[in-house]
Amino acid sequence: MNDRVNSSLPNVMECDSNITLNVSEADDYISTNSYADVDELFITKIFPIILVFGVLNNGIFLFVLYRVHRMQTTLNALLASLAISDILFLILAVGEKTLRFGSSTFANDVFPFSAKSYTILQSFIELTFQASLIAITTVAYERYNVVCHPTLQRESLARKVGLNIQTRCIKQSHLVKLLCFIWGTGLFFSILFLPPNIRYCHICIEWPPAGNYTDYPTTILEQNIKAGFHVYYNISQGIPFIVAFFLNSYFYFKLIRVLKLHTQSVCKEHTDIATKRRQRKQRITHMLLINSAVYFVCLAPYMLTCFLGGIVGMWSSETASKILLENNTIFTNLSRTFLYLNSAVNSLLYTTFSVVYRTAYVEALCFKKAVNHENRISELRSI
């Protein structure tokens, strides 16, 4: 530890703060800032398992979309964007925790990262997380438009007059705009969260000559976040989550109502064809609704705690610290577990609650031939 720190900070002048500790102070500092046993359990075992499962699960979903051409729709392109952001988020967030745990004894030390590299890393983590949050909301919005404001008749007319290529170009242009909105807004939020992540402090520690302190670093690099930036960051984290939650709730409430009305209005003479199509649409919508519900339930412990802590922190930092449960390592790690688990299970929910996706998985993973043309068209219309 000492070798790596001394080589990076060769003289004391580079330190922003110098601490000389006696034996009792050294023991207190170690007990306060070291990783707890529960941290080791989550960082070395649980988080990596979630990382591997999430990367494989989302990766297989992307492979299925690539392999089964009929699944390459606007909806699935948005879900693919969600899967990509989830993969990147898991790799960056879990990787950062694992690297820091393996490189330093202290939880407040950001080594092996420098101030610049850690700021960039945090920006990318925020980008992928916000892109995921916006993608899940965009999926709900797009589904709402397709079901509540259908354009199938206009597209059908365009095909009849020989405008297939034009219609396809319009769809692709619309998809590109949606993807640009998702990642552009995610980038905006990652820049918005920069101020709390750009202040760092090099601390030089002089350990007592007596005692076994040679394994502890003589310098650490920690984030120097002021109280006002803590409030700003926590509130800024919570607002997009709350807005996205209410938007998703509104879209899916409208969707369920419209689908029920559509089902009741199906003409008896078209029961066989129309009802099956409506049922497929309902199943896809219910699958997306369940996926959205699981998404927000998993994020709620972490995001609501941050938001409430930020609000209370405007008046009392001590009370805010209690709300944030900063000293409760079990709650902190559990909330992070749900946060990471949320990014790992999305693709699993698609196959659990949708026959269309299960069929596509079987075809892609077993290298089976696609179903007949009539069923393919019917499934496409339901998606």
Protein backbone atom coordinates (compact mmCIF):
# COMPACT_ATOMS: atom_id res chain seq x y z
CA MET A 1 0.00 0.00 0.00
CA ASN A 2 2.68 2.49 1.01
CA ASP A 3 4.69 1.89 -2.16
CA ARG A 4 1.81 2.71 -4.46
CA VAL A 5 0.89 5.85 -2.56
CA ASN A 6 4.38 7.20 -2.08
CA SER A 7 5.17 6.71 -5.76
CA SER A 8 2.07 8.64 -6.80
CA LEU A 9 2.57 11.40 -4.21
CA PRO A 10 6.33 11.72 -3.71
CA ASN A 11 6.28 14.69 -1.36
CA VAL A 12 4.08 16.04 1.35
CA MET A 13 3.49 19.32 -0.51
CA GLU A 14 1.07 17.52 -2.81
CA CYS A 15 -1.20 16.69 0.10
CA ASP A 16 -4.20 18.87 0.88
CA SER A 17 -4.37 17.65 4.46
CA ASN A 18 -1.86 16.07 6.86
CA ILE A 19 -2.93 13.82 9.71
CA THR A 20 -0.65 12.62 12.51
CA LEU A 21 -2.23 9.87 14.55
CA ASN A 22 -1.40 8.32 17.88
CA VAL A 23 -2.28 4.69 18.57
CA SER A 24 -5.85 5.28 19.80
CA GLU A 25 -6.59 7.78 17.01
CA ALA A 26 -5.16 5.37 14.44
CA ASP A 27 -7.38 2.55 15.68
CA ASP A 28 -10.43 4.83 15.59
CA TYR A 29 -9.60 5.99 12.07
CA ILE A 30 -9.21 2.40 10.85
CA SER A 31 -12.46 1.22 12.44
CA THR A 32 -14.38 4.23 11.07
CA ASN A 33 -13.10 4.20 7.49
CA SER A 34 -12.33 0.54 6.79
CA TYR A 35 -14.69 -1.71 4.88
CA ALA A 36 -17.06 -3.66 7.12
CA ASP A 37 -17.39 -7.44 6.92
CA VAL A 38 -20.80 -7.02 5.29
CA ASP A 39 -19.15 -4.83 2.63
CA GLU A 40 -16.73 -7.63 1.80
CA LEU A 41 -19.62 -10.10 1.45
CA PHE A 42 -21.54 -7.92 -0.99
CA ILE A 43 -18.61 -6.52 -2.98
CA THR A 44 -16.67 -9.76 -3.43
CA LYS A 45 -19.55 -12.23 -3.79
CA ILE A 46 -23.06 -10.86 -4.33
CA PHE A 47 -22.30 -7.94 -6.65
CA PRO A 48 -20.05 -9.98 -9.00
CA ILE A 49 -22.72 -12.69 -9.25
CA ILE A 50 -25.29 -10.07 -10.23
CA LEU A 51 -22.79 -8.60 -12.72
CA VAL A 52 -22.18 -11.94 -14.47
CA PHE A 53 -25.88 -12.82 -14.48
CA GLY A 54 -26.88 -9.39 -15.78
CA VAL A 55 -24.30 -9.30 -18.57
CA LEU A 56 -25.23 -12.82 -19.72
CA ASN A 57 -28.98 -12.20 -19.45
CA ASN A 58 -28.92 -8.92 -21.35
CA GLY A 59 -26.33 -10.23 -23.81
CA ILE A 60 -28.53 -13.21 -24.70
CA PHE A 61 -31.47 -10.86 -25.23
CA LEU A 62 -29.41 -8.78 -27.67
CA PHE A 63 -28.35 -11.97 -29.46
CA VAL A 64 -32.00 -13.06 -29.80
CA LEU A 65 -32.96 -9.72 -31.33
CA TYR A 66 -30.05 -10.01 -33.77
CA ARG A 67 -30.82 -13.63 -34.67
CA VAL A 68 -34.63 -13.45 -35.02
CA HIS A 69 -35.29 -10.78 -37.65
CA ARG A 70 -38.99 -10.43 -36.95
CA MET A 71 -38.12 -9.18 -33.45
CA GLN A 72 -36.31 -6.16 -34.88
CA THR A 73 -39.11 -3.69 -34.18
CA THR A 74 -39.12 -0.19 -32.71
CA LEU A 75 -40.20 -1.52 -29.32
CA ASN A 76 -37.45 -4.12 -29.23
CA ALA A 77 -34.87 -1.58 -30.40
CA LEU A 78 -35.76 0.51 -27.33
CA LEU A 79 -35.52 -2.59 -25.14
CA ALA A 80 -32.13 -3.30 -26.74
CA SER A 81 -31.02 0.20 -25.77
CA LEU A 82 -32.20 -0.54 -22.23
CA ALA A 83 -30.22 -3.81 -22.23
CA ILE A 84 -27.06 -2.06 -23.45
CA SER A 85 -27.32 0.66 -20.81
CA ASP A 86 -27.91 -2.02 -18.14
CA ILE A 87 -24.83 -3.98 -19.23
CA LEU A 88 -22.64 -0.88 -19.18
CA PHE A 89 -24.04 0.27 -15.85
CA LEU A 90 -23.36 -3.08 -14.20
CA ILE A 91 -19.82 -3.33 -15.57
CA LEU A 92 -18.91 0.22 -14.55
CA ALA A 93 -20.67 0.38 -11.17
CA VAL A 94 -19.80 -3.09 -9.89
CA GLY A 95 -16.34 -2.90 -11.44
CA GLU A 96 -15.65 0.39 -9.66
CA LYS A 97 -16.68 -1.05 -6.29
CA THR A 98 -14.61 -4.20 -6.81
CA LEU A 99 -11.47 -2.36 -7.92
CA ARG A 100 -11.60 0.05 -5.01
CA PHE A 101 -12.16 -2.75 -2.51
CA GLY A 102 -9.21 -4.72 -3.85
CA SER A 103 -6.89 -1.71 -3.97
CA SER A 104 -7.39 0.03 -0.65
CA THR A 105 -8.24 -0.81 2.94
CA PHE A 106 -10.41 2.27 3.34
CA ALA A 107 -13.88 2.80 1.88
CA ASN A 108 -13.29 6.55 1.52
CA ASP A 109 -10.21 6.01 -0.69
CA VAL A 110 -10.92 6.13 -4.45
CA PHE A 111 -7.59 4.49 -5.34
CA PRO A 112 -6.66 3.06 -7.90
CA PHE A 113 -8.35 5.95 -9.68
CA SER A 114 -6.99 9.46 -10.02
CA ALA A 115 -9.26 12.46 -9.49
CA LYS A 116 -9.81 12.94 -13.24
CA SER A 117 -10.36 9.27 -14.06
CA TYR A 118 -12.77 8.83 -11.16
CA THR A 119 -14.77 11.88 -12.23
CA ILE A 120 -15.00 10.51 -15.78
CA LEU A 121 -16.00 7.08 -14.47
CA GLN A 122 -18.76 8.55 -12.30
CA SER A 123 -20.04 10.52 -15.30
CA PHE A 124 -20.29 7.35 -17.39
CA ILE A 125 -22.05 5.52 -14.56
CA GLU A 126 -24.58 8.34 -14.33
CA LEU A 127 -24.98 8.36 -18.12
CA THR A 128 -25.79 4.65 -18.30
CA PHE A 129 -28.10 4.76 -15.28
CA GLN A 130 -30.06 7.76 -16.54
CA ALA A 131 -30.21 6.27 -20.05
CA SER A 132 -31.80 3.17 -18.52
CA LEU A 133 -34.35 5.25 -16.60
CA ILE A 134 -35.24 7.27 -19.70
CA ALA A 135 -35.39 4.14 -21.88
CA ILE A 136 -37.95 2.43 -19.63
CA THR A 137 -40.07 5.60 -19.77
CA THR A 138 -39.67 5.93 -23.55
CA VAL A 139 -40.84 2.32 -23.94
CA ALA A 140 -44.01 3.18 -22.01
CA TYR A 141 -44.52 6.33 -24.09
CA GLU A 142 -44.01 4.49 -27.38
CA ARG A 143 -46.37 1.70 -26.33
CA TYR A 144 -48.94 4.30 -25.32
CA ASN A 145 -48.75 5.93 -28.77
CA VAL A 146 -48.98 2.62 -30.63
CA VAL A 147 -52.02 1.37 -28.72
CA CYS A 148 -53.86 4.58 -27.89
CA HIS A 149 -53.02 6.44 -31.12
CA PRO A 150 -52.53 3.67 -33.67
CA THR A 151 -50.98 4.39 -37.05
CA LEU A 152 -51.51 0.93 -38.52
CA GLN A 153 -54.13 2.10 -41.02
CA ARG A 154 -51.90 4.88 -42.32
CA GLU A 155 -48.97 2.46 -42.68
CA SER A 156 -51.22 -0.08 -44.38
CA LEU A 157 -52.34 2.55 -46.88
CA ALA A 158 -48.74 3.51 -47.55
CA ARG A 159 -47.91 -0.13 -48.32
CA LYS A 160 -50.86 -0.45 -50.68
CA VAL A 161 -49.71 2.49 -52.78
CA GLY A 162 -46.18 1.14 -52.92
CA LEU A 163 -44.53 3.26 -50.25
CA ASN A 164 -42.88 0.46 -48.29
CA ILE A 165 -39.43 2.02 -48.45
CA GLN A 166 -40.72 5.43 -47.41
CA THR A 167 -42.63 3.92 -44.48
CA ARG A 168 -39.54 2.01 -43.38
CA CYS A 169 -37.44 5.17 -43.56
CA ILE A 170 -39.99 7.04 -41.45
CA LYS A 171 -39.87 4.28 -38.82
CA GLN A 172 -36.08 4.28 -38.78
CA SER A 173 -35.97 8.07 -38.51
CA HIS A 174 -38.43 7.94 -35.61
CA LEU A 175 -36.34 5.27 -33.87
CA VAL A 176 -33.14 7.26 -34.31
CA LYS A 177 -34.82 10.30 -32.74
CA LEU A 178 -35.96 8.22 -29.77
CA LEU A 179 -32.49 6.75 -29.23
CA CYS A 180 -30.87 10.17 -29.52
CA PHE A 181 -33.35 11.48 -26.97
CA ILE A 182 -32.56 8.63 -24.54
CA TRP A 183 -28.80 8.92 -24.66
CA GLY A 184 -28.75 12.70 -25.13
CA THR A 185 -30.89 13.23 -22.04
CA GLY A 186 -28.75 10.72 -20.16
CA LEU A 187 -25.67 12.73 -21.12
CA PHE A 188 -27.37 15.93 -19.95
CA PHE A 189 -28.03 14.44 -16.52
CA SER A 190 -24.49 13.05 -16.25
CA ILE A 191 -23.18 16.60 -16.82
CA LEU A 192 -25.72 17.93 -14.32
CA PHE A 193 -24.29 15.61 -11.67
CA LEU A 194 -20.68 16.67 -12.30
CA PRO A 195 -20.33 19.40 -9.61
CA PRO A 196 -20.44 17.01 -6.61
CA ASN A 197 -17.89 14.72 -8.30
CA ILE A 198 -15.08 17.13 -9.16
CA ARG A 199 -13.71 18.03 -5.70
CA TYR A 200 -11.11 15.71 -4.17
CA CYS A 201 -8.72 15.85 -1.26
CA HIS A 202 -5.31 14.18 -0.92
CA ILE A 203 -4.81 13.20 2.70
CA CYS A 204 -1.37 12.27 4.04
CA ILE A 205 -1.46 10.06 7.13
CA GLU A 206 1.43 9.62 9.54
CA TRP A 207 0.82 6.40 11.41
CA PRO A 208 2.23 5.73 14.89
CA PRO A 209 5.73 4.18 14.77
CA ALA A 210 4.63 1.57 17.29
CA GLY A 211 2.09 -0.99 16.23
CA ASN A 212 1.32 -2.90 13.09
CA TYR A 213 0.33 -0.08 10.70
CA THR A 214 2.69 -0.79 7.82
CA ASP A 215 -0.07 -2.35 5.71
CA TYR A 216 -2.14 0.83 5.72
CA PRO A 217 -1.66 3.55 3.07
CA THR A 218 0.19 6.73 3.98
CA THR A 219 -1.93 8.80 1.58
CA ILE A 220 -5.48 8.47 0.36
CA LEU A 221 -7.58 10.28 -2.21
CA GLU A 222 -11.15 10.94 -1.14
CA GLN A 223 -14.04 12.94 -2.53
CA ASN A 224 -14.45 16.29 -0.81
CA ILE A 225 -18.18 16.88 -1.22
CA LYS A 226 -19.52 19.91 0.60
CA ALA A 227 -22.84 19.75 2.45
CA GLY A 228 -24.58 21.89 -0.16
CA PHE A 229 -23.44 19.59 -2.98
CA HIS A 230 -24.68 16.57 -1.02
CA VAL A 231 -28.14 18.13 -0.96
CA TYR A 232 -27.92 19.09 -4.64
CA TYR A 233 -26.79 15.62 -5.70
CA ASN A 234 -29.38 13.69 -3.68
CA ILE A 235 -32.29 15.83 -4.84
CA SER A 236 -31.08 15.75 -8.45
CA GLN A 237 -30.91 11.96 -8.27
CA GLY A 238 -34.45 11.65 -6.95
CA ILE A 239 -36.28 14.06 -9.26
CA PRO A 240 -35.78 12.11 -12.55
CA PHE A 241 -36.82 8.90 -10.77
CA ILE A 242 -40.03 10.43 -9.40
CA VAL A 243 -40.93 12.09 -12.72
CA ALA A 244 -40.29 8.83 -14.61
CA PHE A 245 -42.41 6.89 -12.11
CA PHE A 246 -45.44 9.16 -12.54
CA LEU A 247 -45.06 9.21 -16.34
CA ASN A 248 -44.90 5.41 -16.48
CA SER A 249 -47.91 5.15 -14.16
CA TYR A 250 -49.91 7.51 -16.37
CA PHE A 251 -49.01 5.75 -19.64
CA TYR A 252 -49.77 2.25 -18.37
CA PHE A 253 -53.01 3.34 -16.69
CA LYS A 254 -54.18 4.73 -20.03
CA LEU A 255 -52.94 1.64 -21.85
CA ILE A 256 -54.87 -0.79 -19.67
CA ARG A 257 -58.07 1.23 -20.05
CA VAL A 258 -57.77 1.46 -23.83
CA LEU A 259 -56.98 -2.24 -24.23
CA LYS A 260 -60.05 -3.18 -22.19
CA LEU A 261 -62.23 -0.94 -24.35
CA HIS A 262 -60.71 -2.41 -27.53
CA THR A 263 -61.39 -5.93 -26.34
CA GLN A 264 -65.04 -5.14 -25.61
CA SER A 265 -65.53 -3.49 -29.02
CA VAL A 266 -64.25 -6.39 -31.15
CA CYS A 267 -66.90 -7.37 -33.69
CA LYS A 268 -68.28 -10.87 -33.32
CA GLU A 269 -67.62 -11.73 -36.97
CA HIS A 270 -63.91 -10.99 -36.50
CA THR A 271 -63.57 -12.69 -33.13
CA ASP A 272 -61.00 -15.28 -34.14
CA ILE A 273 -58.57 -12.87 -35.81
CA ALA A 274 -59.11 -9.63 -33.92
CA THR A 275 -59.39 -11.16 -30.45
CA LYS A 276 -56.14 -13.06 -30.79
CA ARG A 277 -54.40 -9.91 -31.92
CA ARG A 278 -55.83 -7.93 -29.01
CA GLN A 279 -54.81 -10.67 -26.60
CA ARG A 280 -51.25 -10.59 -27.89
CA LYS A 281 -51.17 -6.81 -27.50
CA GLN A 282 -52.50 -7.14 -23.98
CA ARG A 283 -49.89 -9.75 -23.06
CA ILE A 284 -47.06 -7.60 -24.42
CA THR A 285 -48.41 -4.55 -22.58
CA HIS A 286 -48.84 -6.52 -19.35
CA MET A 287 -45.28 -7.81 -19.70
CA LEU A 288 -43.98 -4.26 -20.11
CA LEU A 289 -46.11 -3.11 -17.17
CA ILE A 290 -44.67 -5.83 -14.92
CA ASN A 291 -41.17 -5.01 -16.11
CA SER A 292 -41.72 -1.32 -15.33
CA ALA A 293 -43.19 -2.14 -11.89
CA VAL A 294 -40.22 -4.35 -10.99
CA TYR A 295 -37.87 -1.63 -12.26
CA PHE A 296 -39.27 1.08 -9.99
CA VAL A 297 -39.70 -1.21 -6.97
CA CYS A 298 -36.01 -2.17 -7.19
CA LEU A 299 -34.89 1.44 -7.51
CA ALA A 300 -37.22 2.83 -4.84
CA PRO A 301 -35.15 2.07 -1.67
CA TYR A 302 -32.03 3.76 -3.02
CA MET A 303 -33.61 6.65 -4.94
CA LEU A 304 -36.28 7.65 -2.40
CA THR A 305 -33.76 7.54 0.42
CA CYS A 306 -31.47 9.86 -1.56
CA PHE A 307 -34.31 12.23 -2.40
CA LEU A 308 -35.72 12.43 1.14
CA GLY A 309 -32.22 12.82 2.56
CA GLY A 310 -31.57 15.68 0.15
CA ILE A 311 -34.82 17.45 1.04
CA VAL A 312 -34.24 17.16 4.79
CA GLY A 313 -30.58 18.08 4.32
CA MET A 314 -31.59 21.60 3.33
CA TRP A 315 -32.51 22.19 6.98
CA SER A 316 -30.56 19.65 9.01
CA SER A 317 -27.55 17.69 7.81
CA GLU A 318 -27.60 15.56 10.96
CA THR A 319 -31.20 14.45 10.37
CA ALA A 320 -30.44 13.87 6.70
CA SER A 321 -27.57 11.60 7.66
CA LYS A 322 -29.97 9.51 9.74
CA ILE A 323 -32.48 9.31 6.87
CA LEU A 324 -29.74 8.31 4.42
CA LEU A 325 -28.64 5.59 6.90
CA GLU A 326 -25.03 6.39 6.03
CA ASN A 327 -23.73 4.28 8.91
CA ASN A 328 -26.02 1.35 8.17
CA THR A 329 -23.89 -0.77 5.84
CA ILE A 330 -26.54 -3.50 5.59
CA PHE A 331 -29.22 -1.15 4.24
CA THR A 332 -26.72 0.60 1.94
CA ASN A 333 -25.57 -2.67 0.41
CA LEU A 334 -29.10 -4.08 0.14
CA SER A 335 -30.32 -0.97 -1.67
CA ARG A 336 -27.36 -1.25 -4.05
CA THR A 337 -28.15 -4.93 -4.54
CA PHE A 338 -31.68 -4.09 -5.71
CA LEU A 339 -30.24 -1.29 -7.83
CA TYR A 340 -27.90 -3.71 -9.62
CA LEU A 341 -30.42 -6.55 -9.67
CA ASN A 342 -32.84 -4.28 -11.48
CA SER A 343 -30.40 -3.99 -14.38
CA ALA A 344 -29.90 -7.77 -14.44
CA VAL A 345 -33.47 -9.12 -14.53
CA ASN A 346 -35.19 -7.02 -17.20
CA SER A 347 -34.57 -9.46 -20.03
CA LEU A 348 -35.61 -12.40 -17.85
CA LEU A 349 -39.03 -10.82 -17.34
CA TYR A 350 -39.66 -10.65 -21.09
CA THR A 351 -39.42 -14.41 -21.49
CA THR A 352 -41.31 -15.12 -18.26
CA PHE A 353 -44.41 -13.15 -19.19
CA SER A 354 -44.50 -13.21 -23.01
CA VAL A 355 -44.97 -16.17 -25.34
CA VAL A 356 -43.69 -14.07 -28.24
CA TYR A 357 -40.32 -13.56 -26.56
CA ARG A 358 -40.11 -17.16 -25.34
CA THR A 359 -40.67 -18.39 -28.90
CA ALA A 360 -37.98 -16.06 -30.19
CA TYR A 361 -35.55 -17.26 -27.52
CA VAL A 362 -36.16 -20.90 -28.48
CA GLU A 363 -35.61 -20.13 -32.15
CA ALA A 364 -32.43 -18.16 -31.54
CA LEU A 365 -30.79 -20.40 -28.94
CA CYS A 366 -31.80 -23.71 -30.53
CA PHE A 367 -31.13 -22.39 -34.05
CA LYS A 368 -34.60 -23.40 -35.17
CA LYS A 369 -36.30 -22.15 -38.28
CA ALA A 370 -38.67 -19.23 -37.91
CA VAL A 371 -42.41 -19.78 -37.61
CA ASN A 372 -44.57 -19.47 -40.71
CA HIS A 373 -45.16 -16.15 -42.42
CA GLU A 374 -48.72 -15.70 -41.21
CA ASN A 375 -47.80 -16.10 -37.56
CA ARG A 376 -44.81 -13.82 -37.98
CA ILE A 377 -47.01 -11.00 -39.33
CA SER A 378 -49.49 -11.55 -36.52
CA GLU A 379 -46.78 -11.40 -33.87
CA LEU A 380 -45.26 -8.29 -35.40
CA ARG A 381 -48.57 -6.49 -35.23
CA SER A 382 -48.95 -7.44 -31.59
CA ILE A 383 -45.51 -5.98 -30.78
